[in-house]
Amino acid sequence: MSFNGDDKDPSGKETPHATAPTDDKGVEVWDLRTPPSADDVGLRSGKDYVGYETRKPRRVRFLLPDDHELTIDATLVVFDRVMHKDPADPTRPTGMDFRMAPMPLETAYKVMSTSLKAFGMGTEPVDQWRQDIENRPTSGVEANHRVEGGGNTKIGYLTVGVGGVFDPVNRDGSAIIKYHVNLYEK
C-alpha cells in the first residue's frame, strides 16, 4: 500500500513493488491477458491482499484477454486471494478491485458507458442506473438511499464487473465507479 505517495507504511517498512506494471509514457500498465502471479502484483507470502493507492488519480491501463483494454484514472488497485484460492497455485491472486475518485454524475455515466463498451457490453446497465437515480424519491428517508448499478461480463479467463455508486447523502451530486475482476476461472 502506498501511503501519501511514499513507499513506506507507517511502521517504516518498505512496501512491496509489483513487477507487472510497466510505465508507458506516464501510464501504469497492468497486463492481465494471462493470469498474474503473486510476484507479478507484489503480493507477499502470508498476505491475502496488496493495494496500491494514491490520493490523486493516476492514469492506469489494463490489458485484457481477447484484445480488450481499459484505461482509467484510478486511485486504488487491489489484488487479493481472499474469496477463494487457485488449487493449482494457492499463492496466486484470484481477485482484483480498482476504483476511481468521486466524479460528477454526468461524468460517471460517460465513464461507465465507456467501460462497458470496452468490455464488449452494451450500455443498458448504465442506462438503468441513470433511470434509477432520476426516478428515486426526492423526499423522505428513501431519498437518501444509495443507488448502485452496473454489469458483469466474461473476457477470456476473467469475469469483469463495473458498477456505479451514487450516494445522495454526500449532497455533491457525485458518484464513484468501481470495478471487480475475478482472476480465477473455476
Protein backbone atom coordinates (compact mmCIF):
# COMPACT_ATOMS: atom_id res chain seq x y z
CA MET A 1 0.00 0.00 0.00
CA SER A 2 1.31 3.40 -0.78
CA PHE A 3 0.74 5.94 1.98
CA ASN A 4 0.67 9.58 0.92
CA GLY A 5 2.72 8.71 -2.15
CA ASP A 6 5.54 7.23 -0.02
CA ASP A 7 6.95 3.74 -0.41
CA LYS A 8 6.89 3.18 3.34
CA ASP A 9 3.99 2.22 5.50
CA PRO A 10 3.53 3.90 8.92
CA SER A 11 5.71 1.22 10.57
CA GLY A 12 8.63 2.27 8.33
CA LYS A 13 8.73 -0.98 6.34
CA GLU A 14 9.19 -0.91 2.60
CA THR A 15 6.01 -1.63 0.67
CA PRO A 16 6.01 -4.34 -1.99
CA HIS A 17 6.68 -3.35 -5.56
CA ALA A 18 4.85 -5.17 -8.30
CA THR A 19 6.84 -6.40 -11.26
CA ALA A 20 3.90 -6.35 -13.67
CA PRO A 21 3.00 -2.66 -14.07
CA THR A 22 5.08 -1.01 -16.73
CA ASP A 23 5.32 2.67 -17.47
CA ASP A 24 4.10 3.70 -20.90
CA LYS A 25 4.66 7.47 -21.07
CA GLY A 26 3.47 8.01 -17.51
CA VAL A 27 0.71 5.37 -17.64
CA GLU A 28 0.69 2.47 -15.16
CA VAL A 29 0.04 -0.67 -17.22
CA TRP A 30 -1.21 -3.98 -15.79
CA ASP A 31 -1.08 -6.91 -18.21
CA LEU A 32 -3.94 -9.26 -17.33
CA ARG A 33 -4.01 -11.11 -20.67
CA THR A 34 -2.74 -14.13 -18.73
CA PRO A 35 -3.21 -14.86 -15.01
CA PRO A 36 -0.73 -12.84 -12.93
CA SER A 37 1.46 -14.48 -10.30
CA ALA A 38 1.83 -13.23 -6.74
CA ASP A 39 5.24 -11.78 -7.70
CA ASP A 40 3.71 -10.01 -10.72
CA VAL A 41 1.43 -7.99 -8.46
CA GLY A 42 3.71 -7.65 -5.41
CA LEU A 43 1.62 -9.99 -3.22
CA ARG A 44 3.84 -11.18 -0.37
CA SER A 45 3.83 -14.68 1.06
CA GLY A 46 1.47 -14.91 4.03
CA LYS A 47 -0.60 -11.88 2.94
CA ASP A 48 -4.05 -12.12 1.40
CA TYR A 49 -4.02 -8.80 -0.45
CA VAL A 50 -1.85 -5.96 -1.70
CA GLY A 51 -3.10 -2.50 -2.53
CA TYR A 52 -1.73 0.45 -4.46
CA GLU A 53 -3.47 3.69 -3.53
CA THR A 54 -2.83 7.32 -4.32
CA ARG A 55 -4.64 10.42 -3.13
CA LYS A 56 -4.68 11.88 -6.63
CA PRO A 57 -5.95 9.79 -9.55
CA ARG A 58 -3.30 8.27 -11.79
CA ARG A 59 -3.63 7.00 -15.35
CA VAL A 60 -3.87 3.18 -15.38
CA ARG A 61 -4.28 0.88 -18.38
CA PHE A 62 -5.44 -2.72 -18.05
CA LEU A 63 -4.57 -5.06 -20.91
CA LEU A 64 -7.25 -7.75 -21.01
CA PRO A 65 -7.70 -11.01 -22.94
CA ASP A 66 -9.17 -11.01 -26.44
CA ASP A 67 -7.65 -7.61 -27.34
CA HIS A 68 -9.76 -5.70 -24.80
CA GLU A 69 -8.22 -2.75 -22.99
CA LEU A 70 -9.41 -0.31 -20.36
CA THR A 71 -7.71 2.98 -19.41
CA ILE A 72 -8.99 4.91 -16.40
CA ASP A 73 -7.83 7.41 -13.78
CA ALA A 74 -7.63 5.17 -10.71
CA THR A 75 -7.00 5.97 -7.07
CA LEU A 76 -6.89 2.36 -5.85
CA VAL A 77 -5.82 -1.01 -7.30
CA VAL A 78 -6.03 -4.08 -5.03
CA PHE A 79 -5.11 -7.71 -5.75
CA ASP A 80 -6.25 -10.44 -3.37
CA ARG A 81 -6.66 -14.14 -2.73
CA VAL A 82 -9.39 -13.73 -0.13
CA MET A 83 -12.57 -15.14 -1.70
CA HIS A 84 -11.01 -18.37 -2.96
CA LYS A 85 -7.67 -19.99 -3.69
CA ASP A 86 -6.49 -21.41 -7.00
CA PRO A 87 -5.99 -25.16 -6.31
CA ALA A 88 -3.21 -25.28 -8.92
CA ASP A 89 -1.34 -22.38 -7.25
CA PRO A 90 -2.76 -21.20 -3.91
CA THR A 91 -0.29 -18.29 -3.83
CA ARG A 92 -1.74 -16.71 -6.98
CA PRO A 93 -4.09 -13.71 -6.71
CA THR A 94 -7.66 -14.61 -7.61
CA GLY A 95 -9.39 -11.23 -7.34
CA MET A 96 -8.77 -7.60 -8.19
CA ASP A 97 -10.62 -4.41 -7.36
CA PHE A 98 -9.98 -0.91 -8.58
CA ARG A 99 -11.83 2.34 -8.32
CA MET A 100 -11.84 5.90 -9.46
CA ALA A 101 -12.15 9.11 -7.46
CA PRO A 102 -15.60 10.65 -6.97
CA MET A 103 -16.78 12.46 -10.08
CA PRO A 104 -19.82 14.44 -11.22
CA LEU A 105 -22.78 12.23 -12.05
CA GLU A 106 -22.78 13.14 -15.76
CA THR A 107 -19.10 12.18 -15.98
CA ALA A 108 -19.81 8.93 -14.14
CA TYR A 109 -22.46 7.98 -16.70
CA LYS A 110 -19.95 8.55 -19.51
CA VAL A 111 -17.14 6.67 -17.75
CA MET A 112 -19.35 3.68 -17.00
CA SER A 113 -20.67 3.61 -20.59
CA THR A 114 -17.11 3.73 -21.95
CA SER A 115 -16.06 0.93 -19.59
CA LEU A 116 -18.99 -1.27 -20.54
CA LYS A 117 -18.21 -0.76 -24.22
CA ALA A 118 -14.52 -1.57 -23.60
CA PHE A 119 -15.67 -4.85 -22.10
CA GLY A 120 -17.80 -5.59 -25.18
CA MET A 121 -21.10 -4.90 -23.40
CA GLY A 122 -24.00 -2.65 -24.22
CA THR A 123 -24.87 0.41 -22.15
CA GLU A 124 -28.15 -0.96 -20.76
CA PRO A 125 -26.76 -1.28 -17.19
CA VAL A 126 -25.71 2.39 -17.06
CA ASP A 127 -29.00 3.43 -18.67
CA GLN A 128 -30.87 1.53 -15.94
CA TRP A 129 -28.63 3.04 -13.22
CA ARG A 130 -29.29 6.53 -14.58
CA GLN A 131 -33.03 5.88 -14.67
CA ASP A 132 -32.94 4.56 -11.07
CA ILE A 133 -31.15 7.73 -9.93
CA GLU A 134 -33.50 10.06 -11.81
CA ASN A 135 -36.59 8.22 -10.50
CA ARG A 136 -35.51 7.94 -6.86
CA PRO A 137 -37.72 9.61 -4.24
CA THR A 138 -36.90 13.26 -3.65
CA SER A 139 -38.10 13.36 -0.06
CA GLY A 140 -38.28 11.11 2.96
CA VAL A 141 -35.78 8.53 4.15
CA GLU A 142 -35.61 6.80 0.76
CA ALA A 143 -34.34 9.99 -0.88
CA ASN A 144 -31.03 9.37 0.93
CA HIS A 145 -30.58 5.73 -0.11
CA ARG A 146 -27.54 4.83 -2.21
CA VAL A 147 -28.24 3.88 -5.79
CA GLU A 148 -25.96 1.23 -7.26
CA GLY A 149 -25.92 -0.23 -10.74
CA GLY A 150 -23.66 -1.95 -13.21
CA GLY A 151 -22.97 -5.08 -15.18
CA ASN A 152 -20.70 -8.13 -15.47
CA THR A 153 -19.20 -9.97 -18.38
CA LYS A 154 -16.67 -12.66 -19.23
CA ILE A 155 -13.46 -11.70 -21.08
CA GLY A 156 -11.21 -14.70 -21.65
CA TYR A 157 -10.46 -16.23 -18.24
CA LEU A 158 -11.66 -13.05 -16.44
CA THR A 159 -15.06 -12.20 -15.03
CA VAL A 160 -15.23 -8.40 -15.04
CA GLY A 161 -17.77 -6.21 -13.29
CA VAL A 162 -18.21 -2.46 -13.41
CA GLY A 163 -20.53 -0.57 -11.11
CA GLY A 164 -21.51 2.91 -10.18
CA VAL A 165 -22.39 4.12 -6.70
CA PHE A 166 -24.40 7.30 -6.21
CA ASP A 167 -24.81 8.38 -2.60
CA PRO A 168 -27.20 11.35 -2.30
CA VAL A 169 -26.20 11.87 1.34
CA ASN A 170 -22.98 13.47 0.04
CA ARG A 171 -25.13 16.25 -1.43
CA ASP A 172 -22.49 16.98 -4.04
CA GLY A 173 -24.05 15.08 -6.93
CA SER A 174 -21.00 12.85 -7.32
CA ALA A 175 -20.62 9.14 -7.95
CA ILE A 176 -17.83 6.58 -7.76
CA ILE A 177 -17.11 3.98 -10.41
CA LYS A 178 -15.78 0.66 -9.06
CA TYR A 179 -14.52 -2.44 -10.84
CA HIS A 180 -14.11 -6.04 -9.72
CA VAL A 181 -12.20 -8.67 -11.67
CA ASN A 182 -12.24 -12.38 -10.87
CA LEU A 183 -8.76 -13.58 -11.91
CA TYR A 184 -9.64 -17.23 -11.41
CA GLU A 185 -11.82 -19.42 -13.56
CA LYS A 186 -13.42 -22.23 -11.57
